[in-house]
Amino acid sequence: MANPTDIRKGKVIAYNGVPHAVLEVQHRTQGRQAGFVQVTMRNLLTGASTAIKFLSSDSITFLQTSTVALEYSYVDDMGHHFLNTETYEDVCLPNDLIEGKKKFLAIGKMYDISYVDDKPVEIILPASILMKVVESPDGIRGDTASNVQKPATTETGLIVQVPLFIKPGEVIRVSSSDGSYIGRA
């Protein structure tokens, strides 16, 4: 058990028996009252964020975490399968854990998987991802107004608005936070 003043950004704590990643920590005092620690954290099972106040008398349990780089292999009825390239172990992540991120998963690419107590709880996407364009309509001749864009479909099925010069077969860099085009690779 630890004191709430030991909480730091990036740590994983147990709150109501569920692992939560700490996103932000603020130590506060209010006049003559006892100080408290306000923590913004994300539930690693549901993805919901919440802000909680911990008093100095509360006790906190830190969870053991680790991150392993795994190669995305395939998807089936059981879930999304990743391969540990060092031990050749197959790790299957359930669909609900991947839900909002599956459009960014390309077969054969490496992704960081966060483990809490030897159980995978979260996939950590890089800030930008390289993706191959598989389908994109031709640009219209004479359409040269500034910043004209067209839809392009990537290898994962993600549709991205790209400049007119992008053609099928090219590799582009896509932001994993909002799915927007960043540039050519």
Protein backbone atom coordinates (compact mmCIF):
# COMPACT_ATOMS: atom_id res chain seq x y z
CA MET A 1 0.00 0.00 0.00
CA ALA A 2 1.21 3.48 -0.85
CA ASN A 3 0.29 7.05 -0.08
CA PRO A 4 -1.64 9.13 -2.69
CA THR A 5 1.28 11.58 -2.86
CA ASP A 6 3.32 8.78 -4.51
CA ILE A 7 1.03 8.74 -7.57
CA ARG A 8 2.79 9.84 -10.77
CA LYS A 9 1.70 10.24 -14.39
CA GLY A 10 2.06 6.98 -16.34
CA LYS A 11 1.70 4.66 -13.33
CA VAL A 12 -1.06 2.05 -13.12
CA ILE A 13 -3.10 1.82 -9.93
CA ALA A 14 -5.92 -0.43 -8.74
CA TYR A 15 -9.11 1.57 -8.17
CA ASN A 16 -12.27 -0.38 -7.22
CA GLY A 17 -10.42 -3.56 -8.19
CA VAL A 18 -9.86 -2.39 -11.79
CA PRO A 19 -6.54 -1.24 -13.32
CA HIS A 20 -6.45 2.48 -14.14
CA ALA A 21 -3.67 4.37 -15.95
CA VAL A 22 -2.83 7.73 -14.38
CA LEU A 23 -3.10 10.54 -16.96
CA GLU A 24 -2.68 13.62 -14.75
CA VAL A 25 -1.90 14.34 -11.09
CA GLN A 26 -2.43 17.57 -9.12
CA HIS A 27 -1.63 18.12 -5.44
CA ARG A 28 -4.10 20.58 -3.91
CA THR A 29 -4.65 22.27 -0.57
CA GLN A 30 -7.67 24.33 0.44
CA GLY A 31 -7.16 26.83 3.24
CA ARG A 32 -7.34 25.09 6.60
CA GLN A 33 -8.55 21.78 5.22
CA ALA A 34 -6.30 18.81 4.64
CA GLY A 35 -4.67 18.53 1.24
CA PHE A 36 -5.72 16.03 -1.38
CA VAL A 37 -4.47 14.61 -4.65
CA GLN A 38 -6.71 14.97 -7.70
CA VAL A 39 -6.02 12.25 -10.25
CA THR A 40 -7.34 11.97 -13.79
CA MET A 41 -7.16 8.33 -14.83
CA ARG A 42 -8.35 5.99 -17.59
CA ASN A 43 -9.95 2.61 -16.92
CA LEU A 44 -7.83 0.10 -18.84
CA LEU A 45 -10.74 -2.30 -19.30
CA THR A 46 -13.41 0.12 -20.58
CA GLY A 47 -11.33 3.11 -21.73
CA ALA A 48 -13.46 5.57 -19.74
CA SER A 49 -11.67 8.51 -18.10
CA THR A 50 -12.53 9.83 -14.67
CA ALA A 51 -11.23 12.34 -12.12
CA ILE A 52 -10.92 11.16 -8.49
CA LYS A 53 -9.85 12.95 -5.30
CA PHE A 54 -7.65 10.96 -2.92
CA LEU A 55 -7.23 12.16 0.65
CA SER A 56 -3.88 11.80 2.37
CA SER A 57 -5.42 9.09 4.59
CA ASP A 58 -6.35 6.89 1.57
CA SER A 59 -4.13 4.01 0.53
CA ILE A 60 -3.21 3.20 -3.07
CA THR A 61 -2.14 -0.09 -4.66
CA PHE A 62 0.29 0.18 -7.57
CA LEU A 63 0.12 -2.61 -10.16
CA GLN A 64 3.11 -4.24 -11.84
CA THR A 65 3.18 -3.25 -15.52
CA SER A 66 5.26 -4.16 -18.53
CA THR A 67 5.19 -3.43 -22.25
CA VAL A 68 6.01 -6.00 -24.92
CA ALA A 69 6.41 -5.37 -28.66
CA LEU A 70 4.34 -7.92 -30.59
CA GLU A 71 3.72 -8.47 -34.30
CA TYR A 72 0.11 -8.35 -35.49
CA SER A 73 -0.67 -11.67 -37.20
CA TYR A 74 -4.35 -12.17 -37.96
CA VAL A 75 -7.93 -11.86 -36.71
CA ASP A 76 -10.49 -14.64 -36.24
CA ASP A 77 -13.59 -15.38 -34.13
CA MET A 78 -11.52 -15.57 -30.94
CA GLY A 79 -9.98 -12.11 -31.38
CA HIS A 80 -6.87 -10.40 -32.71
CA HIS A 81 -3.71 -12.52 -32.67
CA PHE A 82 -0.24 -11.12 -32.01
CA LEU A 83 3.07 -13.00 -32.20
CA ASN A 84 5.91 -12.54 -29.75
CA THR A 85 8.86 -12.66 -32.17
CA GLU A 86 11.29 -13.74 -29.44
CA THR A 87 9.35 -16.64 -27.89
CA TYR A 88 6.96 -17.34 -30.83
CA GLU A 89 4.06 -17.26 -28.38
CA ASP A 90 0.62 -16.43 -29.80
CA VAL A 91 -1.20 -13.74 -27.78
CA CYS A 92 -4.91 -13.29 -28.49
CA LEU A 93 -6.52 -9.98 -27.56
CA PRO A 94 -10.33 -9.88 -27.41
CA ASN A 95 -12.26 -7.67 -29.83
CA ASP A 96 -13.48 -5.30 -27.09
CA LEU A 97 -9.87 -4.45 -26.18
CA ILE A 98 -9.08 -3.50 -29.79
CA GLU A 99 -12.43 -1.89 -30.67
CA GLY A 100 -11.42 1.71 -31.43
CA LYS A 101 -7.98 0.86 -32.80
CA LYS A 102 -8.57 -1.96 -35.30
CA LYS A 103 -8.50 0.37 -38.34
CA PHE A 104 -4.87 1.15 -37.45
CA LEU A 105 -3.71 -2.48 -37.20
CA ALA A 106 -1.83 -3.72 -40.26
CA ILE A 107 -0.72 -7.35 -40.52
CA GLY A 108 3.01 -7.84 -40.06
CA LYS A 109 3.62 -4.59 -38.14
CA MET A 110 4.87 -4.32 -34.56
CA TYR A 111 2.70 -2.85 -31.76
CA ASP A 112 3.34 -2.31 -28.05
CA ILE A 113 1.01 -4.28 -25.78
CA SER A 114 0.71 -3.16 -22.16
CA TYR A 115 0.49 -5.93 -19.55
CA VAL A 116 -0.78 -5.59 -15.97
CA ASP A 117 0.04 -8.54 -13.73
CA ASP A 118 0.97 -10.64 -16.81
CA LYS A 119 -2.41 -10.02 -18.49
CA PRO A 120 -2.68 -7.89 -21.66
CA VAL A 121 -4.90 -4.87 -21.03
CA GLU A 122 -4.14 -2.30 -23.73
CA ILE A 123 -2.59 -1.82 -27.15
CA ILE A 124 -0.46 1.30 -27.43
CA LEU A 125 -0.47 2.82 -30.89
CA PRO A 126 2.44 4.97 -32.07
CA ALA A 127 1.68 8.65 -32.80
CA SER A 128 1.75 7.97 -36.55
CA ILE A 129 1.44 4.81 -38.59
CA LEU A 130 2.66 3.96 -42.09
CA MET A 131 -0.13 2.56 -44.27
CA LYS A 132 -0.33 1.48 -47.89
CA VAL A 133 -3.03 3.05 -50.07
CA VAL A 134 -5.01 0.34 -51.88
CA GLU A 135 -7.72 2.44 -53.49
CA SER A 136 -7.87 6.11 -54.45
CA PRO A 137 -9.75 7.82 -57.29
CA ASP A 138 -7.76 9.84 -59.81
CA GLY A 139 -7.54 13.58 -59.28
CA ILE A 140 -9.73 15.67 -61.58
CA ARG A 141 -7.72 17.59 -64.17
CA GLY A 142 -7.93 21.31 -63.59
CA ASP A 143 -9.01 20.95 -59.96
CA THR A 144 -6.16 22.99 -58.53
CA ALA A 145 -7.85 25.00 -55.81
CA SER A 146 -5.76 25.15 -52.67
CA ASN A 147 -5.80 22.12 -50.38
CA VAL A 148 -8.09 19.93 -52.50
CA GLN A 149 -8.33 16.42 -51.10
CA LYS A 150 -9.82 13.08 -52.07
CA PRO A 151 -10.66 9.92 -50.11
CA ALA A 152 -8.13 7.08 -50.09
CA THR A 153 -8.68 3.59 -48.65
CA THR A 154 -5.73 2.03 -46.81
CA GLU A 155 -4.81 -1.63 -46.43
CA THR A 156 -6.77 -1.81 -43.15
CA GLY A 157 -9.96 -0.27 -44.59
CA LEU A 158 -9.38 3.15 -43.03
CA ILE A 159 -10.55 5.98 -45.30
CA VAL A 160 -8.25 9.00 -45.16
CA GLN A 161 -8.56 12.37 -46.90
CA VAL A 162 -5.34 12.79 -48.92
CA PRO A 163 -3.97 15.29 -51.48
CA LEU A 164 -4.75 14.71 -55.16
CA PHE A 165 -1.24 13.42 -56.02
CA ILE A 166 -1.53 10.27 -53.82
CA LYS A 167 -2.01 7.12 -55.93
CA PRO A 168 -2.77 3.47 -55.06
CA GLY A 169 0.34 1.59 -53.95
CA GLU A 170 1.93 4.57 -52.18
CA VAL A 171 2.72 4.46 -48.47
CA ILE A 172 1.40 7.35 -46.38
CA ARG A 173 1.81 8.42 -42.76
CA VAL A 174 -1.48 8.59 -40.80
CA SER A 175 -2.09 10.08 -37.35
CA SER A 176 -3.32 7.41 -34.91
CA SER A 177 -5.16 9.97 -32.78
CA ASP A 178 -7.65 11.16 -35.41
CA GLY A 179 -6.92 9.17 -38.59
CA SER A 180 -5.77 12.20 -40.59
CA TYR A 181 -3.15 12.32 -43.36
CA ILE A 182 0.27 13.56 -42.21
CA GLY A 183 2.42 12.99 -45.29
CA ARG A 184 4.12 10.53 -47.60
CA ALA A 185 6.46 7.95 -46.16
